């Protein structure tokens, strides 16, 4: 029995066997009861010794009861040194079941058992084998864990539409399409199971646009199957981690970023040559952008885009239309990070341009409400001053008119103090606030506001 159990385990079949499953102090009766109740099959080795033991008879009775109750084939008999007449005298129903002759050798016994336990065409078996082959250890196919996997594999209502990307969630990647073929369905389930793991890990480890590239690359490498998904869908990767598009920060994905960049340069040049007005409303010179905004941090002039356009793409991707959702923190937290020395690894050029873009974008302006920070991170609003900073900012027509009252300053400090703690910034809230309220920063906010007002009048 031991060699048989070991061989089945080597075939990735989870075996309940007393030497494997019992530990010192376990209840023998209780453990065997659980094994009999939870196992999909019971392999019964009929031998002269088996006939003589009452304990084995009791175990067999349990399997027979399950088979009668479920009306499914639970018992897999093996005949070891016995003939049909001996089995018939012991149990006529067992003698009538097709059995495996142990005399055919352990290889043949294992093959026939495996065929019965893992029939060809079983979706769950295909999925489980797929995961095991990649070093992931899933539970047996009867475990409720698989119900969660099945639900996750069918949870994307946007699949198949032009907004498909929006249905996957942060760090989600497209799955193979639906199919009735068990092999294809098993592959989809297997990939879903892997994706469930890295989605959870990305959430717990807070892998975002603000994560150092080395940490992002280490995260991708640590999650089974994620590197393959990133290689197959690099645009998704660069949406979740736009910092990897900065030249020199892409690691193993540097060639993919460069390939997307070169293709984008070529396409946008074709648009410009044809006289198209594509994207001209987003650039500083009113010309066609030099590349797509998602890869603009790779361009020496940031694609010619307005700084606010690139900053917006960095923080929230293309979730306004059809891209996957990427925003993790409140916008003011992103701004605090850009103003902190923590963002210096972006490089001076990209950091300065994105910080200017954040200032101009202006949606960070703290108005006293932040449901995301409250619900996701436990931010507590100071109702005595909440919204005062946003009021002062809105009422002023220019940076020269801005007068921050004490309550407005308290409001801003209170919110930035939360950002400092949340993001583990080395600066104090007061230091970040001083940079945020400096005329050279807020000038971009007011200039962009006036530009938008003028555009609306036109």
Protein backbone atom coordinates (compact mmCIF):
# COMPACT_ATOMS: atom_id res chain seq x y z
CA UNK A 1 0.00 0.00 0.00
CA UNK A 2 2.82 2.40 0.78
CA UNK A 3 4.43 2.17 -2.70
CA UNK A 4 1.00 2.54 -4.30
CA UNK A 5 0.17 5.61 -2.22
CA UNK A 6 3.55 7.16 -3.00
CA UNK A 7 3.16 6.54 -6.73
CA UNK A 8 -0.30 8.14 -6.73
CA UNK A 9 1.09 11.18 -4.94
CA UNK A 10 3.81 11.46 -7.58
CA UNK A 11 0.97 11.67 -10.11
CA UNK A 12 -0.33 14.74 -8.22
CA UNK A 13 -3.25 12.82 -6.73
CA UNK A 14 -3.93 13.82 -3.13
CA UNK A 15 -4.00 10.62 -1.09
CA UNK A 16 -5.40 9.98 2.38
CA UNK A 17 -3.16 7.25 3.76
CA UNK A 18 -2.58 6.70 7.45
CA UNK A 19 1.21 7.09 7.26
CA UNK A 20 0.80 10.37 5.35
CA UNK A 21 -2.24 11.72 7.10
CA UNK A 22 -2.02 10.84 10.78
CA UNK A 23 0.09 12.67 13.35
CA UNK A 24 0.89 11.86 16.96
CA UNK A 25 -2.13 12.69 19.09
CA UNK A 26 -4.67 12.47 16.26
CA UNK A 27 -7.95 10.68 16.87
CA UNK A 28 -7.63 7.52 14.76
CA UNK A 29 -11.36 7.02 14.40
CA UNK A 30 -12.08 10.70 13.72
CA UNK A 31 -9.31 11.03 11.15
CA UNK A 32 -10.41 7.92 9.27
CA UNK A 33 -14.01 9.14 9.32
CA UNK A 34 -12.94 12.41 7.72
CA UNK A 35 -10.93 10.54 5.12
CA UNK A 36 -13.87 8.32 4.24
CA UNK A 37 -16.26 11.28 4.07
CA UNK A 38 -14.10 13.72 2.12
CA UNK A 39 -12.32 11.51 -0.39
CA UNK A 40 -13.73 11.26 -3.89
CA UNK A 41 -12.77 7.59 -4.13
CA UNK A 42 -11.84 4.73 -1.86
CA UNK A 43 -9.23 2.29 -3.17
CA UNK A 44 -10.06 -1.09 -1.60
CA UNK A 45 -7.33 -3.72 -1.84
CA UNK A 46 -9.01 -7.13 -1.50
CA UNK A 47 -6.54 -9.61 -0.05
CA UNK A 48 -6.58 -12.59 2.33
CA UNK A 49 -5.56 -10.22 5.14
CA UNK A 50 -8.36 -7.83 4.24
CA UNK A 51 -10.96 -10.60 4.65
CA UNK A 52 -9.67 -11.39 8.14
CA UNK A 53 -9.81 -7.85 9.58
CA UNK A 54 -12.89 -6.28 11.14
CA UNK A 55 -11.41 -2.79 10.87
CA UNK A 56 -11.15 -2.95 7.09
CA UNK A 57 -14.73 -4.28 6.95
CA UNK A 58 -15.91 -1.24 8.90
CA UNK A 59 -14.08 1.09 6.47
CA UNK A 60 -15.60 -0.71 3.50
CA UNK A 61 -19.07 -0.36 5.00
CA UNK A 62 -18.53 3.41 5.13
CA UNK A 63 -17.61 3.54 1.45
CA UNK A 64 -20.56 1.35 0.49
CA UNK A 65 -22.90 3.66 2.40
CA UNK A 66 -21.51 6.66 0.50
CA UNK A 67 -21.85 4.90 -2.83
CA UNK A 68 -25.47 3.98 -2.15
CA UNK A 69 -26.32 7.47 -0.90
CA UNK A 70 -24.65 9.39 -3.74
CA UNK A 71 -25.35 6.86 -6.50
CA UNK A 72 -21.82 7.43 -7.76
CA UNK A 73 -18.89 5.11 -8.30
CA UNK A 74 -16.82 5.60 -5.15
CA UNK A 75 -15.14 2.19 -4.68
CA UNK A 76 -12.13 1.27 -6.81
CA UNK A 77 -11.27 -2.39 -6.03
CA UNK A 78 -7.87 -4.05 -6.44
CA UNK A 79 -7.52 -7.83 -6.12
CA UNK A 80 -4.29 -8.90 -4.46
CA UNK A 81 -3.64 -12.66 -4.24
CA UNK A 82 -7.36 -13.48 -4.37
CA UNK A 83 -9.69 -15.02 -6.94
CA UNK A 84 -13.21 -14.10 -7.96
CA UNK A 85 -14.73 -16.91 -5.93
CA UNK A 86 -13.11 -15.64 -2.74
CA UNK A 87 -14.43 -12.14 -3.35
CA UNK A 88 -17.84 -13.54 -4.25
CA UNK A 89 -18.04 -15.42 -0.96
CA UNK A 90 -17.07 -12.27 0.89
CA UNK A 91 -19.27 -9.78 -0.95
CA UNK A 92 -21.25 -10.59 -4.13
CA UNK A 93 -21.64 -6.89 -5.08
CA UNK A 94 -17.86 -6.37 -4.91
CA UNK A 95 -17.26 -9.46 -7.02
CA UNK A 96 -19.48 -7.97 -9.69
CA UNK A 97 -17.40 -4.76 -9.96
CA UNK A 98 -14.62 -4.55 -12.50
CA UNK A 99 -11.41 -4.77 -10.47
CA UNK A 100 -7.71 -4.19 -11.10
CA UNK A 101 -5.50 -7.26 -10.77
CA UNK A 102 -2.46 -6.38 -8.65
CA UNK A 103 -0.56 -9.08 -10.50
CA UNK A 104 -0.41 -6.83 -13.57
CA UNK A 105 2.24 -4.73 -11.79
CA UNK A 106 2.22 -1.43 -9.99
CA UNK A 107 2.69 0.61 -13.18
CA UNK A 108 -0.48 -0.82 -14.70
CA UNK A 109 -2.37 -0.45 -11.41
CA UNK A 110 -1.37 3.20 -11.15
CA UNK A 111 -2.27 3.85 -14.79
CA UNK A 112 -5.75 2.39 -14.44
CA UNK A 113 -6.38 4.13 -11.14
CA UNK A 114 -5.26 7.45 -12.61
CA UNK A 115 -7.58 6.99 -15.59
CA UNK A 116 -10.50 6.44 -13.21
CA UNK A 117 -9.63 9.24 -10.80
CA UNK A 118 -8.69 11.79 -13.48
CA UNK A 119 -10.80 10.99 -16.52
CA UNK A 120 -9.80 12.72 -19.74
CA UNK A 121 -11.93 15.77 -20.40
CA UNK A 122 -12.46 16.80 -16.78
CA UNK A 123 -12.27 20.61 -16.65
CA UNK A 124 -11.30 20.76 -12.98
CA UNK A 125 -8.63 18.09 -13.42
CA UNK A 126 -7.16 19.98 -16.37
CA UNK A 127 -7.11 23.17 -14.28
CA UNK A 128 -5.54 21.45 -11.29
CA UNK A 129 -2.86 19.77 -13.39
CA UNK A 130 -2.11 23.12 -15.06
CA UNK A 131 -1.54 24.75 -11.66
CA UNK A 132 0.56 21.88 -10.29
CA UNK A 133 2.79 21.94 -13.38
CA UNK A 134 3.56 25.59 -12.60
CA UNK A 135 4.47 24.99 -8.99
CA UNK A 136 1.16 26.04 -7.46
CA UNK A 137 -0.43 23.62 -5.00
CA UNK A 138 -4.23 23.81 -5.31
CA UNK A 139 -6.64 21.84 -3.11
CA UNK A 140 -8.46 18.76 -4.39
CA UNK A 141 -11.18 19.43 -6.93
CA UNK A 142 -13.92 18.77 -4.36
CA UNK A 143 -12.77 21.71 -2.22
CA UNK A 144 -15.04 24.79 -2.17
CA UNK A 145 -12.01 26.87 -3.20
CA UNK A 146 -12.78 25.85 -6.77
CA UNK A 147 -16.22 27.42 -6.51
CA UNK A 148 -14.54 30.78 -5.88
CA UNK A 149 -12.26 30.21 -8.87
CA UNK A 150 -15.20 29.33 -11.11
CA UNK A 151 -17.08 32.43 -9.98
CA UNK A 152 -14.05 34.67 -10.62
CA UNK A 153 -13.60 33.21 -14.10
CA UNK A 154 -17.08 34.38 -15.10
CA UNK A 155 -17.24 37.68 -13.24
CA UNK A 156 -16.31 40.04 -16.08
CA UNK A 157 -19.50 41.52 -17.55
CA UNK A 158 -17.46 43.66 -19.95
CA UNK A 159 -15.62 40.77 -21.56
CA UNK A 160 -15.90 40.83 -25.31
CA UNK A 161 -16.76 44.54 -25.46
CA UNK A 162 -14.52 47.52 -26.31
CA UNK A 163 -14.34 48.23 -22.57
CA UNK A 164 -13.15 44.73 -21.74
CA UNK A 165 -10.05 45.98 -19.93
CA UNK A 166 -12.18 47.76 -17.35
CA UNK A 167 -13.63 44.48 -16.13
CA UNK A 168 -10.45 42.90 -14.84
CA UNK A 169 -9.57 45.18 -11.94
CA UNK A 170 -6.15 46.37 -10.82
CA UNK A 171 -3.42 43.97 -11.98
CA UNK A 172 -5.96 41.88 -13.86
CA UNK A 173 -5.16 40.53 -17.32
CA UNK A 174 -7.37 39.09 -20.07
CA UNK A 175 -8.27 35.41 -19.72
CA UNK A 176 -8.72 32.97 -22.61
CA UNK A 177 -12.15 33.26 -24.18
CA UNK A 178 -15.10 31.11 -23.13
CA UNK A 179 -15.25 27.65 -24.67
CA UNK A 180 -17.10 24.36 -24.26
CA UNK A 181 -13.90 22.41 -24.69
CA UNK A 182 -12.79 20.97 -21.31
CA UNK A 183 -9.12 21.67 -22.03
CA UNK A 184 -9.81 25.33 -22.84
CA UNK A 185 -12.14 25.70 -19.87
CA UNK A 186 -9.56 24.12 -17.59
CA UNK A 187 -6.89 26.54 -18.83
CA UNK A 188 -9.19 29.50 -18.13
CA UNK A 189 -9.88 28.22 -14.62
CA UNK A 190 -6.19 27.64 -13.97
CA UNK A 191 -5.22 31.14 -15.10
CA UNK A 192 -8.08 32.58 -13.06
CA UNK A 193 -6.77 30.82 -9.97
CA UNK A 194 -3.30 32.29 -10.50
CA UNK A 195 -4.74 35.74 -11.15
CA UNK A 196 -6.74 35.57 -7.92
CA UNK A 197 -3.48 35.11 -6.03
CA UNK A 198 -1.60 38.03 -7.56
CA UNK A 199 -4.61 40.37 -7.40
CA UNK A 200 -4.75 39.74 -3.66
CA UNK A 201 -0.98 40.10 -3.30
CA UNK A 202 -0.94 43.38 -5.25
CA UNK A 203 -3.63 44.74 -2.96
CA UNK A 204 -1.93 43.61 0.23
CA UNK A 205 1.56 44.77 -0.84
CA UNK A 206 0.22 48.01 -2.35
CA UNK A 207 1.92 47.58 -5.70
CA UNK A 208 1.02 50.86 -7.41
CA UNK A 209 2.44 53.60 -9.64
CA UNK A 210 4.31 54.86 -6.57
CA UNK A 211 6.16 51.58 -5.94
CA UNK A 212 9.86 51.59 -6.75
CA UNK A 213 10.48 49.77 -10.06
CA UNK A 214 12.74 47.22 -8.38
CA UNK A 215 9.90 46.27 -6.05
CA UNK A 216 7.43 46.07 -8.93
CA UNK A 217 9.72 43.78 -10.88
CA UNK A 218 10.33 41.63 -7.80
CA UNK A 219 6.57 41.39 -7.27
CA UNK A 220 5.98 40.30 -10.87
CA UNK A 221 8.70 37.69 -10.54
CA UNK A 222 7.31 36.37 -7.24
CA UNK A 223 3.80 35.62 -8.55
CA UNK A 224 3.31 32.39 -10.48
CA UNK A 225 2.16 33.16 -14.02
CA UNK A 226 2.26 36.95 -13.69
CA UNK A 227 5.45 37.43 -15.69
CA UNK A 228 3.91 35.48 -18.58
CA UNK A 229 0.77 37.63 -18.42
CA UNK A 230 2.87 40.81 -18.47
CA UNK A 231 4.86 39.60 -21.48
CA UNK A 232 1.67 38.73 -23.36
CA UNK A 233 -0.09 41.98 -22.44
CA UNK A 234 2.61 44.63 -21.85
CA UNK A 235 0.15 47.51 -22.28
CA UNK A 236 -1.71 46.29 -19.21
CA UNK A 237 1.57 46.11 -17.28
CA UNK A 238 2.55 49.66 -18.23
CA UNK A 239 -0.89 50.92 -17.27
CA UNK A 240 -0.61 49.40 -13.79
CA UNK A 241 3.05 50.39 -13.45
CA UNK A 242 3.71 53.41 -15.72
CA UNK A 243 6.98 54.02 -13.89
CA UNK A 244 8.42 51.11 -15.88
CA UNK A 245 8.09 53.14 -19.08
CA UNK A 246 10.66 55.69 -17.88
CA UNK A 247 13.86 54.86 -19.82
CA UNK A 248 16.08 52.59 -17.77
CA UNK A 249 13.44 51.59 -15.20
CA UNK A 250 11.72 48.78 -17.11
CA UNK A 251 14.06 45.95 -16.20
CA UNK A 252 13.23 42.80 -18.17
CA UNK A 253 10.33 44.68 -19.79
CA UNK A 254 12.53 47.44 -21.20
CA UNK A 255 12.47 45.91 -24.73
CA UNK A 256 8.65 45.69 -24.62
CA UNK A 257 8.39 49.35 -23.60
CA UNK A 258 10.75 50.39 -26.37
CA UNK A 259 8.85 48.35 -28.98
CA UNK A 260 5.53 49.96 -27.99
CA UNK A 261 7.19 53.37 -28.01
CA UNK A 262 8.66 52.96 -31.49
CA UNK A 263 5.38 51.69 -32.92
CA UNK A 264 3.57 54.60 -31.31
CA UNK A 265 6.04 57.12 -32.75
CA UNK A 266 5.48 55.72 -36.21
CA UNK A 267 1.67 55.71 -35.94
CA UNK A 268 1.47 59.27 -34.62
CA UNK A 269 3.87 60.50 -37.30
CA UNK A 270 1.56 58.98 -39.91
CA UNK A 271 -1.36 60.87 -38.36
CA UNK A 272 0.60 64.13 -38.49
CA UNK A 273 1.63 63.55 -42.11
CA UNK A 274 -1.97 62.91 -43.13
CA UNK A 275 -3.14 66.24 -41.70
CA UNK A 276 -5.13 64.61 -38.90
CA UNK A 277 -6.13 66.64 -35.84
CA UNK A 278 -5.92 63.57 -33.64
CA UNK A 279 -4.99 64.49 -30.05
CA UNK A 280 -4.19 68.12 -30.86
CA UNK A 281 -6.31 69.36 -27.94
CA UNK A 282 -3.96 67.59 -25.50
CA UNK A 283 -0.63 69.01 -26.65
CA UNK A 284 1.20 72.19 -25.72
CA UNK A 285 1.72 73.28 -29.32
CA UNK A 286 -1.62 72.16 -30.79
CA UNK A 287 0.09 69.56 -33.00
CA UNK A 288 -0.53 65.82 -33.15
CA UNK A 289 1.09 64.11 -30.12
CA UNK A 290 4.41 62.45 -30.88
CA UNK A 291 3.36 59.19 -29.19
CA UNK A 292 0.54 57.77 -27.09
CA UNK A 293 0.12 59.28 -23.63
CA UNK A 294 0.65 55.89 -21.97
CA UNK A 295 4.23 55.82 -23.21
CA UNK A 296 4.91 59.60 -23.07
CA UNK A 297 7.38 59.34 -20.17
CA UNK A 298 9.72 57.66 -22.66
CA UNK A 299 9.74 60.64 -25.02
CA UNK A 300 12.35 63.41 -24.50
CA UNK A 301 9.59 66.05 -24.75
CA UNK A 302 6.92 63.84 -23.13
CA UNK A 303 5.15 63.46 -26.46
CA UNK A 304 4.43 67.17 -26.62
CA UNK A 305 1.51 66.69 -24.23
CA UNK A 306 0.24 69.12 -21.65
CA UNK A 307 1.78 68.11 -18.33
CA UNK A 308 -1.68 67.62 -16.79
CA UNK A 309 -2.58 65.05 -19.47
CA UNK A 310 0.44 62.89 -18.65
CA UNK A 311 -0.06 63.25 -14.88
CA UNK A 312 -3.70 62.22 -15.23
CA UNK A 313 -2.69 59.15 -17.25
CA UNK A 314 -0.03 58.24 -14.68
CA UNK A 315 -2.50 58.35 -11.78
CA UNK A 316 -5.65 56.85 -13.26
CA UNK A 317 -4.65 55.32 -16.58
CA UNK A 318 -7.30 55.34 -19.27
CA UNK A 319 -10.13 54.31 -16.93
CA UNK A 320 -12.22 57.28 -18.14
CA UNK A 321 -12.85 55.41 -21.41
CA UNK A 322 -11.79 51.80 -21.69
CA UNK A 323 -8.54 51.16 -19.84
CA UNK A 324 -8.17 49.04 -16.71
CA UNK A 325 -8.64 50.79 -13.35
CA UNK A 326 -5.31 51.64 -11.74
CA UNK A 327 -5.88 54.43 -9.21
CA UNK A 328 -5.19 53.13 -5.69
CA UNK A 329 -4.90 56.21 -3.44
CA UNK A 330 -6.74 59.52 -3.37
CA UNK A 331 -5.34 62.05 -5.82
CA UNK A 332 -3.98 64.28 -3.06
CA UNK A 333 -1.92 61.35 -1.78
CA UNK A 334 -0.31 61.03 -5.21
CA UNK A 335 0.46 64.75 -5.14
CA UNK A 336 2.04 64.50 -1.70
CA UNK A 337 4.26 61.71 -3.02
CA UNK A 338 5.36 63.75 -6.05
CA UNK A 339 6.29 66.62 -3.72
CA UNK A 340 8.25 64.27 -1.46
CA UNK A 341 11.81 63.12 -1.97
CA UNK A 342 10.36 59.59 -2.18
CA UNK A 343 9.64 60.26 -5.87
CA UNK A 344 13.23 61.17 -6.77
CA UNK A 345 13.87 57.78 -8.38
CA UNK A 346 11.65 58.91 -11.27
CA UNK A 347 14.50 61.10 -12.42
CA UNK A 348 14.56 64.89 -12.32
CA UNK A 349 12.93 65.43 -15.72
CA UNK A 350 9.97 63.05 -15.32
CA UNK A 351 9.42 64.05 -11.70
CA UNK A 352 9.37 67.78 -12.43
CA UNK A 353 7.06 67.36 -15.42
CA UNK A 354 4.61 65.11 -13.53
CA UNK A 355 4.60 67.39 -10.49
CA UNK A 356 3.82 70.35 -12.70
CA UNK A 357 1.10 68.27 -14.32
CA UNK A 358 -0.42 67.40 -10.96
CA UNK A 359 -0.52 71.08 -10.07
CA UNK A 360 -2.26 71.96 -13.32
CA UNK A 361 -4.64 69.00 -13.23
CA UNK A 362 -6.07 70.36 -9.99
CA UNK A 363 -8.41 67.51 -9.05
CA UNK A 364 -6.34 66.97 -5.91
CA UNK A 365 -7.77 70.16 -4.42
CA UNK A 366 -8.92 69.03 -0.97
CA UNK A 367 -12.56 69.96 -0.42
CA UNK A 368 -13.10 68.21 2.91
CA UNK A 369 -14.58 64.99 1.54
CA UNK A 370 -12.57 61.84 0.82
CA UNK A 371 -14.73 58.73 0.84
CA UNK A 372 -11.96 56.59 -0.61
CA UNK A 373 -9.46 57.48 2.12
CA UNK A 374 -12.14 56.96 4.76
CA UNK A 375 -13.36 53.59 3.55
CA UNK A 376 -10.07 52.10 2.33
CA UNK A 377 -7.51 53.50 4.75
CA UNK A 378 -9.37 54.78 7.81
CA UNK A 379 -8.94 58.52 7.32
CA UNK A 380 -10.84 60.57 9.92
CA UNK A 381 -12.17 63.94 8.84
CA UNK A 382 -11.75 66.93 11.13
CA UNK A 383 -15.23 68.36 10.70
CA UNK A 384 -14.28 71.66 12.34
CA UNK A 385 -12.03 72.60 9.44
CA UNK A 386 -12.94 70.16 6.64
CA UNK A 387 -13.27 71.90 3.28
CA UNK A 388 -11.75 75.23 4.33
CA UNK A 389 -8.65 74.75 2.20
CA UNK A 390 -10.68 73.97 -0.93
CA UNK A 391 -12.87 77.00 -0.33
CA UNK A 392 -9.90 79.37 -0.14
CA UNK A 393 -8.33 77.80 -3.21
CA UNK A 394 -11.52 78.14 -5.25
CA UNK A 395 -12.33 81.70 -4.19
CA UNK A 396 -8.97 83.12 -5.23
CA UNK A 397 -8.73 84.14 -8.91
CA UNK A 398 -4.95 83.80 -9.03
CA UNK A 399 -2.04 82.72 -6.91
CA UNK A 400 -1.54 86.37 -5.93
CA UNK A 401 -5.09 86.59 -4.54
CA UNK A 402 -4.80 83.43 -2.43
CA UNK A 403 -5.04 84.02 1.31
CA UNK A 404 -5.06 80.86 3.40
CA UNK A 405 -6.89 81.36 6.68
CA UNK A 406 -5.79 79.47 9.78
CA UNK A 407 -8.60 76.93 9.41
CA UNK A 408 -7.71 76.38 5.75
CA UNK A 409 -4.09 75.74 6.73
CA UNK A 410 -5.20 73.37 9.49
CA UNK A 411 -7.43 71.55 7.04
CA UNK A 412 -4.60 71.04 4.56
CA UNK A 413 -2.12 69.97 7.24
CA UNK A 414 -4.62 67.49 8.65
CA UNK A 415 -5.11 65.84 5.27
CA UNK A 416 -1.44 65.84 4.34
CA UNK A 417 -0.51 64.40 7.71
CA UNK A 418 -2.59 61.39 6.71
CA UNK A 419 -0.77 61.18 3.35
CA UNK A 420 2.61 61.27 5.10
CA UNK A 421 1.66 58.38 7.38
CA UNK A 422 -0.08 56.37 4.66
CA UNK A 423 2.84 56.58 2.23
CA UNK A 424 5.63 56.63 4.86
CA UNK A 425 7.03 59.89 3.50
CA UNK A 426 10.17 61.25 5.19
CA UNK A 427 8.89 64.85 5.17
CA UNK A 428 6.39 66.29 7.62
CA UNK A 429 2.92 67.41 6.60
CA UNK A 430 4.03 71.01 7.16
CA UNK A 431 6.95 70.60 4.74
CA UNK A 432 4.72 69.08 2.04
CA UNK A 433 2.13 71.82 2.60
CA UNK A 434 4.79 74.50 2.18
CA UNK A 435 5.69 73.12 -1.24
CA UNK A 436 2.03 72.72 -2.25
CA UNK A 437 1.12 76.31 -1.36
CA UNK A 438 4.26 77.85 -2.84
CA UNK A 439 3.49 80.36 -5.65
CA UNK A 440 5.71 78.51 -8.14
CA UNK A 441 3.55 75.38 -7.65
CA UNK A 442 0.08 76.92 -7.48
CA UNK A 443 0.82 79.11 -10.49
CA UNK A 444 0.26 76.05 -12.69
CA UNK A 445 -3.07 75.38 -10.97
CA UNK A 446 -4.47 78.84 -11.62
CA UNK A 447 -3.04 79.16 -15.12
CA UNK A 448 -4.60 75.88 -16.18
CA UNK A 449 -7.92 76.86 -14.60
CA UNK A 450 -7.97 80.10 -16.60
CA UNK A 451 -7.01 78.27 -19.78
CA UNK A 452 -9.93 75.85 -19.34
CA UNK A 453 -12.32 78.73 -18.67
CA UNK A 454 -11.17 80.47 -21.84
CA UNK A 455 -11.60 77.30 -23.83
CA UNK A 456 -15.17 76.85 -22.58
CA UNK A 457 -16.00 80.44 -23.62
CA UNK A 458 -14.61 79.79 -27.10
